[in-house]
Amino acid sequence: MTGRRSRFARSALAVALALSACRSAHPPPSRYFLEAPPPSPDLVGKLAFRDARAEDTLIDLAPELGVGYVELLAANPGVDPWLPPDGTRLVVPSVRLLPSARREGIVVNLGDLHLYYFEPGASPRAYPIGIAKDGYATPIGVTTVKSKREKPVWVPGPSARHDGYPEMVKPGPDNPLGEYALYLGWPGYLIHGTNDPRGVGRHSSRGCIRLYPADIAELYTRVAPGTTVRVVNEPVKLGWIAGDLYLEVNPDAEQSLEIDETGKLASPRAPVGLREQVTRAAGKAAGRIDWARVERAGLRRSGVPTLVMRPVNERPSAAKPVSR
């Protein structure tokens, strides 16, 4: 990690200046629209705002707001996570475009640190999650919920035992599984609660998927054994709202870990193939794409859906490639 942190530090100042200039010169045109968005099959939630208080730290504020720590930092670049100035207007990124995976059962998107639940006849639900820390991973693919248990007993695996955990941890305040657990078809991997909400929305587990206590309690009552679980990695998502295309770009795996560890994004880069992905999603409406907005969203990686289309009668701006 030493080499990685050194690279991050060398570019931090230049990146901070670039992000500051980008944000001041080109405020996101869709931000306030998403406070009360029209119905869309590609969107869940709505955007909110919160004025920071002198005693706030973002790691403690994230659970209070029901969002993840990394996504809160990504949506508020330049804000000191440990000492946000009193009165700072914070973006609460409680709005999400849905992943492109089949919309049924549970979809876990490692690319935006969220779990989505698609219940027949109901609106989709989105929950921030904690995922694997550096050196661990969650499998990508399809499995099912094999069983579920209230007040689960945790049997630590070899790596946890190596770190000093006992052979078994009974239900209670010291149990990292929290009050509820969904056991997956992948042995050793669970969707569960937590006894430390500050680990949600971060890289904090050995591969399991952690939810806030209130979120896992709600999900637990709705999910039955046999429910399909798809785990994907989509940091870039696109969707349609009121006839316009929106783009959501989240930090990739390395950048997300960087934000978690350092509190900032010091190595911005646009996702490879972003221009092609936007073009495919736009289809016949590709001529309306504002490529300058696409480029800014690709570099900023705020995780907030951004309008990337010009009005129908507006003349196109100069296109600028954003992929490498």
Foldseek 3Di string as FASTA:
>chain_A
DVVVVVVLVVQQVVLLVVLVVCCVVDPFPCQVCQQDFDDFLFKDFGKDKDFDAQQAALLVVCVVLQHASLLQLLQPAPAHRGGGDGRDIGIDQGMAGDAPPDQAAWEAAPLQQWIWGHDPPDRIDIHHKAFAAPPAEADAFKWWQAAKDFQDKDQDDPVVVVVPDDRIHGGDLVDQQHGMWTDIPPPPEIEGEGSDVSRTNANDDRGYIYGHPVVCVVVVVRDDTPGMYGYHHPQWDWGDGPRFIWIAHADHPVQSNVCRVPVHRRDFAFDACQLVVVPVVCDPNSQQFAQVQSQSNRRSRSRHIGTGGDPPPDHHDDHDDRHD
